[in-house]
Amino acid sequence: MAAPHPDDLTDLAALEKAYRKALFTILGHGLFFLACCVVAVLARRMLKMPPALLTVVFAVALILFGGDFIRFLSYRRKLRRRRESLA
């Protein structure tokens, strides 16, 4: 399911819904990242791989989840501005 268009997020309720969805997406990505780190540590120990394997896991996670993280930060900033303008 695609994220709503930025112009459609003028309503506070729609913005909060998009923010919550992005938050849960980030939490899911975080759990997946931790699981990948655990698997990488176990594989590194069992197969005597170099320590750079964890760096690869981190770099791949940044590339794959970077767009969702930027979207989450954008929604958070818009929601904060919207709430300040209403107060």
PDB file of N, CA and C in Angstrom:
ATOM      1  N   MET A   1       0.839  -1.155   0.000  1.00  0.00           N
ATOM      2  CA  MET A   1       0.000   0.000   0.000  1.00  0.00           C
ATOM      3  C   MET A   1       0.894   1.231   0.000  1.00  0.00           C
ATOM      4  N   ALA A   2       0.653   2.133  -0.882  1.00  0.00           N
ATOM      5  CA  ALA A   2       1.498   3.308  -1.029  1.00  0.00           C
ATOM      6  C   ALA A   2       1.142   4.367   0.006  1.00  0.00           C
ATOM      7  N   ALA A   3       2.118   5.206   0.285  1.00  0.00           N
ATOM      8  CA  ALA A   3       1.904   6.304   1.219  1.00  0.00           C
ATOM      9  C   ALA A   3       1.037   7.355   0.558  1.00  0.00           C
ATOM     10  N   PRO A   4       0.264   8.086   1.350  1.00  0.00           N
ATOM     11  CA  PRO A   4      -0.568   9.137   0.773  1.00  0.00           C
ATOM     12  C   PRO A   4       0.282  10.248   0.187  1.00  0.00           C
ATOM     13  N   HIS A   5      -0.263  10.914  -0.802  1.00  0.00           N
ATOM     14  CA  HIS A   5       0.434  12.028  -1.435  1.00  0.00           C
ATOM     15  C   HIS A   5       0.579  13.155  -0.414  1.00  0.00           C
ATOM     16  N   PRO A   6       1.725  13.845  -0.372  1.00  0.00           N
ATOM     17  CA  PRO A   6       1.924  14.897   0.635  1.00  0.00           C
ATOM     18  C   PRO A   6       0.870  15.993   0.616  1.00  0.00           C
ATOM     19  N   ASP A   7       0.294  16.288  -0.551  1.00  0.00           N
ATOM     20  CA  ASP A   7      -0.732  17.328  -0.616  1.00  0.00           C
ATOM     21  C   ASP A   7      -2.041  16.892   0.043  1.00  0.00           C
ATOM     22  N   ASP A   8      -2.246  15.576   0.176  1.00  0.00           N
ATOM     23  CA  ASP A   8      -3.470  15.063   0.775  1.00  0.00           C
ATOM     24  C   ASP A   8      -3.430  15.098   2.303  1.00  0.00           C
ATOM     25  N   LEU A   9      -2.297  15.440   2.892  1.00  0.00           N
ATOM     26  CA  LEU A   9      -2.150  15.387   4.339  1.00  0.00           C
ATOM     27  C   LEU A   9      -2.386  16.741   4.994  1.00  0.00           C
ATOM     28  N   THR A  10      -3.434  17.422   4.601  1.00  0.00           N
ATOM     29  CA  THR A  10      -3.762  18.698   5.225  1.00  0.00           C
ATOM     30  C   THR A  10      -4.650  18.488   6.442  1.00  0.00           C
ATOM     31  N   ASP A  11      -5.405  17.428   6.477  1.00  0.00           N
ATOM     32  CA  ASP A  11      -6.266  17.117   7.604  1.00  0.00           C
ATOM     33  C   ASP A  11      -5.418  16.506   8.725  1.00  0.00           C
ATOM     34  N   LEU A  12      -5.643  16.947   9.951  1.00  0.00           N
ATOM     35  CA  LEU A  12      -4.859  16.475  11.088  1.00  0.00           C
ATOM     36  C   LEU A  12      -5.050  14.976  11.315  1.00  0.00           C
ATOM     37  N   ALA A  13      -6.261  14.487  11.171  1.00  0.00           N
ATOM     38  CA  ALA A  13      -6.527  13.062  11.386  1.00  0.00           C
ATOM     39  C   ALA A  13      -5.799  12.197  10.355  1.00  0.00           C
ATOM     40  N   ALA A  14      -5.801  12.629   9.108  1.00  0.00           N
ATOM     41  CA  ALA A  14      -5.100  11.867   8.065  1.00  0.00           C
ATOM     42  C   ALA A  14      -3.600  11.889   8.306  1.00  0.00           C
ATOM     43  N   LEU A  15      -3.093  13.004   8.757  1.00  0.00           N
ATOM     44  CA  LEU A  15      -1.662  13.116   9.045  1.00  0.00           C
ATOM     45  C   LEU A  15      -1.273  12.225  10.220  1.00  0.00           C
ATOM     46  N   GLU A  16      -2.104  12.199  11.255  1.00  0.00           N
ATOM     47  CA  GLU A  16      -1.817  11.328  12.395  1.00  0.00           C
ATOM     48  C   GLU A  16      -1.869   9.854  12.005  1.00  0.00           C
ATOM     49  N   LYS A  17      -2.810   9.497  11.152  1.00  0.00           N
ATOM     50  CA  LYS A  17      -2.913   8.115  10.688  1.00  0.00           C
ATOM     51  C   LYS A  17      -1.674   7.721   9.880  1.00  0.00           C
ATOM     52  N   ALA A  18      -1.224   8.595   8.993  1.00  0.00           N
ATOM     53  CA  ALA A  18      -0.027   8.319   8.202  1.00  0.00           C
ATOM     54  C   ALA A  18       1.201   8.229   9.098  1.00  0.00           C
ATOM     55  N   TYR A  19       1.263   9.092  10.113  1.00  0.00           N
ATOM     56  CA  TYR A  19       2.391   9.068  11.050  1.00  0.00           C
ATOM     57  C   TYR A  19       2.416   7.752  11.827  1.00  0.00           C
ATOM     58  N   ARG A  20       1.255   7.317  12.338  1.00  0.00           N
ATOM     59  CA  ARG A  20       1.198   6.058  13.078  1.00  0.00           C
ATOM     60  C   ARG A  20       1.595   4.876  12.201  1.00  0.00           C
ATOM     61  N   LYS A  21       1.135   4.884  10.960  1.00  0.00           N
ATOM     62  CA  LYS A  21       1.481   3.797  10.042  1.00  0.00           C
ATOM     63  C   LYS A  21       2.987   3.783   9.777  1.00  0.00           C
ATOM     64  N   ALA A  22       3.565   4.952   9.579  1.00  0.00           N
ATOM     65  CA  ALA A  22       5.006   5.036   9.357  1.00  0.00           C
ATOM     66  C   ALA A  22       5.777   4.604  10.601  1.00  0.00           C
ATOM     67  N   LEU A  23       5.262   4.936  11.788  1.00  0.00           N
ATOM     68  CA  LEU A  23       5.913   4.538  13.036  1.00  0.00           C
ATOM     69  C   LEU A  23       5.946   3.023  13.167  1.00  0.00           C
ATOM     70  N   PHE A  24       4.817   2.371  12.908  1.00  0.00           N
ATOM     71  CA  PHE A  24       4.783   0.914  13.002  1.00  0.00           C
ATOM     72  C   PHE A  24       5.655   0.262  11.922  1.00  0.00           C
ATOM     73  N   THR A  25       5.751   0.897  10.779  1.00  0.00           N
ATOM     74  CA  THR A  25       6.647   0.390   9.735  1.00  0.00           C
ATOM     75  C   THR A  25       8.092   0.454  10.208  1.00  0.00           C
ATOM     76  N   ILE A  26       8.478   1.566  10.820  1.00  0.00           N
ATOM     77  CA  ILE A  26       9.844   1.715  11.330  1.00  0.00           C
ATOM     78  C   ILE A  26      10.121   0.702  12.445  1.00  0.00           C
ATOM     79  N   LEU A  27       9.147   0.490  13.331  1.00  0.00           N
ATOM     80  CA  LEU A  27       9.328  -0.508  14.388  1.00  0.00           C
ATOM     81  C   LEU A  27       9.499  -1.910  13.803  1.00  0.00           C
ATOM     82  N   GLY A  28       8.727  -2.230  12.777  1.00  0.00           N
ATOM     83  CA  GLY A  28       8.874  -3.525  12.111  1.00  0.00           C
ATOM     84  C   GLY A  28      10.232  -3.670  11.447  1.00  0.00           C
ATOM     85  N   HIS A  29      10.691  -2.596  10.813  1.00  0.00           N
ATOM     86  CA  HIS A  29      12.021  -2.638  10.204  1.00  0.00           C
ATOM     87  C   HIS A  29      13.101  -2.816  11.268  1.00  0.00           C
ATOM     88  N   GLY A  30      12.910  -2.176  12.415  1.00  0.00           N
ATOM     89  CA  GLY A  30      13.880  -2.314  13.505  1.00  0.00           C
ATOM     90  C   GLY A  30      13.965  -3.740  14.016  1.00  0.00           C
ATOM     91  N   LEU A  31      12.815  -4.378  14.177  1.00  0.00           N
ATOM     92  CA  LEU A  31      12.810  -5.778  14.612  1.00  0.00           C
ATOM     93  C   LEU A  31      13.458  -6.688  13.566  1.00  0.00           C
ATOM     94  N   PHE A  32      13.169  -6.435  12.308  1.00  0.00           N
ATOM     95  CA  PHE A  32      13.789  -7.218  11.240  1.00  0.00           C
ATOM     96  C   PHE A  32      15.300  -7.016  11.230  1.00  0.00           C
ATOM     97  N   PHE A  33      15.742  -5.768  11.437  1.00  0.00           N
ATOM     98  CA  PHE A  33      17.171  -5.471  11.482  1.00  0.00           C
ATOM     99  C   PHE A  33      17.846  -6.220  12.632  1.00  0.00           C
ATOM    100  N   LEU A  34      17.213  -6.228  13.804  1.00  0.00           N
ATOM    101  CA  LEU A  34      17.785  -6.956  14.937  1.00  0.00           C
ATOM    102  C   LEU A  34      17.872  -8.453  14.651  1.00  0.00           C
ATOM    103  N   ALA A  35      16.847  -8.998  14.020  1.00  0.00           N
ATOM    104  CA  ALA A  35      16.883 -10.420  13.670  1.00  0.00           C
ATOM    105  C   ALA A  35      18.014 -10.705  12.680  1.00  0.00           C
ATOM    106  N   CYS A  36      18.208  -9.811  11.712  1.00  0.00           N
ATOM    107  CA  CYS A  36      19.305  -9.999  10.755  1.00  0.00           C
ATOM    108  C   CYS A  36      20.660  -9.906  11.441  1.00  0.00           C
ATOM    109  N   CYS A  37      20.789  -9.016  12.417  1.00  0.00           N
ATOM    110  CA  CYS A  37      22.047  -8.904  13.153  1.00  0.00           C
ATOM    111  C   CYS A  37      22.333 -10.176  13.947  1.00  0.00           C
ATOM    112  N   VAL A  38      21.314 -10.737  14.560  1.00  0.00           N
ATOM    113  CA  VAL A  38      21.492 -11.978  15.319  1.00  0.00           C
ATOM    114  C   VAL A  38      21.925 -13.102  14.383  1.00  0.00           C
ATOM    115  N   VAL A  39      21.274 -13.216  13.242  1.00  0.00           N
ATOM    116  CA  VAL A  39      21.648 -14.251  12.272  1.00  0.00           C
ATOM    117  C   VAL A  39      23.072 -14.023  11.766  1.00  0.00           C
ATOM    118  N   ALA A  40      23.439 -12.766  11.516  1.00  0.00           N
ATOM    119  CA  ALA A  40      24.782 -12.465  11.029  1.00  0.00           C
ATOM    120  C   ALA A  40      25.843 -12.805  12.080  1.00  0.00           C
ATOM    121  N   VAL A  41      25.563 -12.520  13.346  1.00  0.00           N
ATOM    122  CA  VAL A  41      26.520 -12.849  14.413  1.00  0.00           C
ATOM    123  C   VAL A  41      26.677 -14.357  14.531  1.00  0.00           C
ATOM    124  N   LEU A  42      25.563 -15.066  14.494  1.00  0.00           N
ATOM    125  CA  LEU A  42      25.643 -16.529  14.575  1.00  0.00           C
ATOM    126  C   LEU A  42      26.365 -17.119  13.370  1.00  0.00           C
ATOM    127  N   ALA A  43      26.059 -16.635  12.181  1.00  0.00           N
ATOM    128  CA  ALA A  43      26.727 -17.137  10.979  1.00  0.00           C
ATOM    129  C   ALA A  43      28.213 -16.815  11.001  1.00  0.00           C
ATOM    130  N   ARG A  44      28.549 -15.631  11.494  1.00  0.00           N
ATOM    131  CA  ARG A  44      29.956 -15.241  11.554  1.00  0.00           C
ATOM    132  C   ARG A  44      30.729 -16.151  12.507  1.00  0.00           C
ATOM    133  N   ARG A  45      30.128 -16.472  13.643  1.00  0.00           N
ATOM    134  CA  ARG A  45      30.809 -17.350  14.601  1.00  0.00           C
ATOM    135  C   ARG A  45      30.908 -18.780  14.092  1.00  0.00           C
ATOM    136  N   MET A  46      29.835 -19.277  13.493  1.00  0.00           N
ATOM    137  CA  MET A  46      29.824 -20.667  13.045  1.00  0.00           C
ATOM    138  C   MET A  46      30.725 -20.889  11.837  1.00  0.00           C
ATOM    139  N   LEU A  47      30.751 -19.931  10.914  1.00  0.00           N
ATOM    140  CA  LEU A  47      31.498 -20.108   9.674  1.00  0.00           C
ATOM    141  C   LEU A  47      32.834 -19.389   9.666  1.00  0.00           C
ATOM    142  N   LYS A  48      33.214 -18.813  10.817  1.00  0.00           N
ATOM    143  CA  LYS A  48      34.485 -18.090  10.954  1.00  0.00           C
ATOM    144  C   LYS A  48      34.635 -16.999   9.893  1.00  0.00           C
ATOM    145  N   MET A  49      33.583 -16.206   9.738  1.00  0.00           N
ATOM    146  CA  MET A  49      33.579 -15.128   8.758  1.00  0.00           C
ATOM    147  C   MET A  49      34.191 -13.867   9.359  1.00  0.00           C
ATOM    148  N   PRO A  50      34.574 -12.911   8.513  1.00  0.00           N
ATOM    149  CA  PRO A  50      35.193 -11.687   9.032  1.00  0.00           C
ATOM    150  C   PRO A  50      34.173 -10.803   9.764  1.00  0.00           C
ATOM    151  N   PRO A  51      34.658  -9.934  10.663  1.00  0.00           N
ATOM    152  CA  PRO A  51      33.750  -9.072  11.418  1.00  0.00           C
ATOM    153  C   PRO A  51      33.028  -8.040  10.551  1.00  0.00           C
ATOM    154  N   ALA A  52      33.468  -7.825   9.344  1.00  0.00           N
ATOM    155  CA  ALA A  52      32.844  -6.834   8.464  1.00  0.00           C
ATOM    156  C   ALA A  52      31.439  -7.245   8.036  1.00  0.00           C
ATOM    157  N   LEU A  53      31.040  -8.459   8.338  1.00  0.00           N
ATOM    158  CA  LEU A  53      29.701  -8.925   7.969  1.00  0.00           C
ATOM    159  C   LEU A  53      28.614  -8.068   8.610  1.00  0.00           C
ATOM    160  N   LEU A  54      28.815  -7.639   9.848  1.00  0.00           N
ATOM    161  CA  LEU A  54      27.819  -6.788  10.509  1.00  0.00           C
ATOM    162  C   LEU A  54      27.733  -5.423   9.846  1.00  0.00           C
ATOM    163  N   THR A  55      28.837  -4.939   9.328  1.00  0.00           N
ATOM    164  CA  THR A  55      28.832  -3.662   8.616  1.00  0.00           C
ATOM    165  C   THR A  55      28.000  -3.776   7.340  1.00  0.00           C
ATOM    166  N   VAL A  56      28.098  -4.895   6.683  1.00  0.00           N
ATOM    167  CA  VAL A  56      27.310  -5.124   5.474  1.00  0.00           C
ATOM    168  C   VAL A  56      25.823  -5.153   5.816  1.00  0.00           C
ATOM    169  N   VAL A  57      25.461  -5.814   6.906  1.00  0.00           N
ATOM    170  CA  VAL A  57      24.060  -5.871   7.328  1.00  0.00           C
ATOM    171  C   VAL A  57      23.546  -4.462   7.609  1.00  0.00           C
ATOM    172  N   PHE A  58      24.340  -3.648   8.285  1.00  0.00           N
ATOM    173  CA  PHE A  58      23.944  -2.278   8.605  1.00  0.00           C
ATOM    174  C   PHE A  58      23.786  -1.442   7.338  1.00  0.00           C
ATOM    175  N   ALA A  59      24.728  -1.554   6.400  1.00  0.00           N
ATOM    176  CA  ALA A  59      24.667  -0.773   5.162  1.00  0.00           C
ATOM    177  C   ALA A  59      23.453  -1.171   4.316  1.00  0.00           C
ATOM    178  N   VAL A  60      23.182  -2.446   4.230  1.00  0.00           N
ATOM    179  CA  VAL A  60      22.032  -2.914   3.451  1.00  0.00           C
ATOM    180  C   VAL A  60      20.729  -2.426   4.089  1.00  0.00           C
ATOM    181  N   ALA A  61      20.655  -2.447   5.417  1.00  0.00           N
ATOM    182  CA  ALA A  61      19.444  -1.964   6.095  1.00  0.00           C
ATOM    183  C   ALA A  61      19.236  -0.477   5.832  1.00  0.00           C
ATOM    184  N   LEU A  62      20.300   0.304   5.850  1.00  0.00           N
ATOM    185  CA  LEU A  62      20.169   1.732   5.567  1.00  0.00           C
ATOM    186  C   LEU A  62      19.669   1.976   4.149  1.00  0.00           C
ATOM    187  N   ILE A  63      20.157   1.197   3.218  1.00  0.00           N
ATOM    188  CA  ILE A  63      19.732   1.369   1.825  1.00  0.00           C
ATOM    189  C   ILE A  63      18.271   0.943   1.649  1.00  0.00           C
ATOM    190  N   LEU A  64      17.904  -0.191   2.224  1.00  0.00           N
ATOM    191  CA  LEU A  64      16.549  -0.712   2.041  1.00  0.00           C
ATOM    192  C   LEU A  64      15.495   0.088   2.789  1.00  0.00           C
ATOM    193  N   PHE A  65      15.808   0.528   4.003  1.00  0.00           N
ATOM    194  CA  PHE A  65      14.811   1.161   4.854  1.00  0.00           C
ATOM    195  C   PHE A  65      14.967   2.668   4.935  1.00  0.00           C
ATOM    196  N   GLY A  66      15.902   3.246   4.212  1.00  0.00           N
ATOM    197  CA  GLY A  66      16.147   4.684   4.270  1.00  0.00           C
ATOM    198  C   GLY A  66      14.956   5.515   3.833  1.00  0.00           C
ATOM    199  N   GLY A  67      14.280   5.096   2.794  1.00  0.00           N
ATOM    200  CA  GLY A  67      13.115   5.834   2.305  1.00  0.00           C
ATOM    201  C   GLY A  67      11.990   5.872   3.326  1.00  0.00           C
ATOM    202  N   ASP A  68      11.747   4.732   3.981  1.00  0.00           N
ATOM    203  CA  ASP A  68      10.704   4.686   5.011  1.00  0.00           C
ATOM    204  C   ASP A  68      11.089   5.538   6.217  1.00  0.00           C
ATOM    205  N   PHE A  69      12.354   5.544   6.559  1.00  0.00           N
ATOM    206  CA  PHE A  69      12.810   6.357   7.687  1.00  0.00           C
ATOM    207  C   PHE A  69      12.661   7.850   7.388  1.00  0.00           C
ATOM    208  N   ILE A  70      13.000   8.253   6.177  1.00  0.00           N
ATOM    209  CA  ILE A  70      12.855   9.660   5.788  1.00  0.00           C
ATOM    210  C   ILE A  70      11.372  10.043   5.761  1.00  0.00           C
ATOM    211  N   ARG A  71      10.512   9.149   5.287  1.00  0.00           N
ATOM    212  CA  ARG A  71       9.067   9.408   5.283  1.00  0.00           C
ATOM    213  C   ARG A  71       8.553   9.580   6.712  1.00  0.00           C
ATOM    214  N   PHE A  72       9.014   8.719   7.623  1.00  0.00           N
ATOM    215  CA  PHE A  72       8.614   8.833   9.025  1.00  0.00           C
ATOM    216  C   PHE A  72       9.037  10.179   9.606  1.00  0.00           C
ATOM    217  N   LEU A  73      10.274  10.606   9.356  1.00  0.00           N
ATOM    218  CA  LEU A  73      10.741  11.899   9.864  1.00  0.00           C
ATOM    219  C   LEU A  73       9.952  13.055   9.266  1.00  0.00           C
ATOM    220  N   SER A  74       9.591  12.935   8.003  1.00  0.00           N
ATOM    221  CA  SER A  74       8.810  13.977   7.347  1.00  0.00           C
ATOM    222  C   SER A  74       7.419  14.093   7.969  1.00  0.00           C
ATOM    223  N   TYR A  75       6.752  12.962   8.193  1.00  0.00           N
ATOM    224  CA  TYR A  75       5.433  12.984   8.817  1.00  0.00           C
ATOM    225  C   TYR A  75       5.508  13.543  10.236  1.00  0.00           C
ATOM    226  N   ARG A  76       6.545  13.172  10.964  1.00  0.00           N
ATOM    227  CA  ARG A  76       6.694  13.678  12.327  1.00  0.00           C
ATOM    228  C   ARG A  76       6.849  15.189  12.343  1.00  0.00           C
ATOM    229  N   ARG A  77       7.656  15.701  11.415  1.00  0.00           N
ATOM    230  CA  ARG A  77       7.870  17.156  11.326  1.00  0.00           C
ATOM    231  C   ARG A  77       6.566  17.866  10.937  1.00  0.00           C
ATOM    232  N   LYS A  78       5.839  17.324   9.947  1.00  0.00           N
ATOM    233  CA  LYS A  78       4.576  17.934   9.528  1.00  0.00           C
ATOM    234  C   LYS A  78       3.545  17.906  10.645  1.00  0.00           C
ATOM    235  N   LEU A  79       3.476  16.798  11.385  1.00  0.00           N
ATOM    236  CA  LEU A  79       2.519  16.684  12.471  1.00  0.00           C
ATOM    237  C   LEU A  79       2.849  17.678  13.581  1.00  0.00           C
ATOM    238  N   ARG A  80       4.111  17.823  13.906  1.00  0.00           N
ATOM    239  CA  ARG A  80       4.511  18.782  14.932  1.00  0.00           C
ATOM    240  C   ARG A  80       4.151  20.206  14.515  1.00  0.00           C
ATOM    241  N   ARG A  81       4.434  20.543  13.262  1.00  0.00           N
ATOM    242  CA  ARG A  81       4.084  21.887  12.775  1.00  0.00           C
ATOM    243  C   ARG A  81       2.581  22.114  12.790  1.00  0.00           C
ATOM    244  N   ARG A  82       1.831  21.116  12.385  1.00  0.00           N
ATOM    245  CA  ARG A  82       0.368  21.245  12.338  1.00  0.00           C
ATOM    246  C   ARG A  82      -0.204  21.435  13.744  1.00  0.00           C
ATOM    247  N   ARG A  83       0.305  20.659  14.704  1.00  0.00           N
ATOM    248  CA  ARG A  83      -0.176  20.786  16.083  1.00  0.00           C
ATOM    249  C   ARG A  83       0.191  22.151  16.671  1.00  0.00           C
ATOM    250  N   GLU A  84       1.378  22.656  16.338  1.00  0.00           N
ATOM    251  CA  GLU A  84       1.777  23.977  16.829  1.00  0.00           C
ATOM    252  C   GLU A  84       0.912  25.086  16.224  1.00  0.00           C
ATOM    253  N   SER A  85       0.522  24.900  14.967  1.00  0.00           N
ATOM    254  CA  SER A  85      -0.299  25.933  14.333  1.00  0.00           C
ATOM    255  C   SER A  85      -1.724  25.939  14.897  1.00  0.00           C
ATOM    256  N   LEU A  86      -2.189  24.805  15.410  1.00  0.00           N
ATOM    257  CA  LEU A  86      -3.517  24.734  15.996  1.00  0.00           C
ATOM    258  C   LEU A  86      -3.550  25.217  17.441  1.00  0.00           C
ATOM    259  N   ALA A  87      -2.416  25.166  18.090  1.00  0.00           N
ATOM    260  CA  ALA A  87      -2.366  25.544  19.522  1.00  0.00           C
ATOM    261  C   ALA A  87      -2.357  27.034  19.725  1.00  0.00           C
TER     262      ALA A  87
END
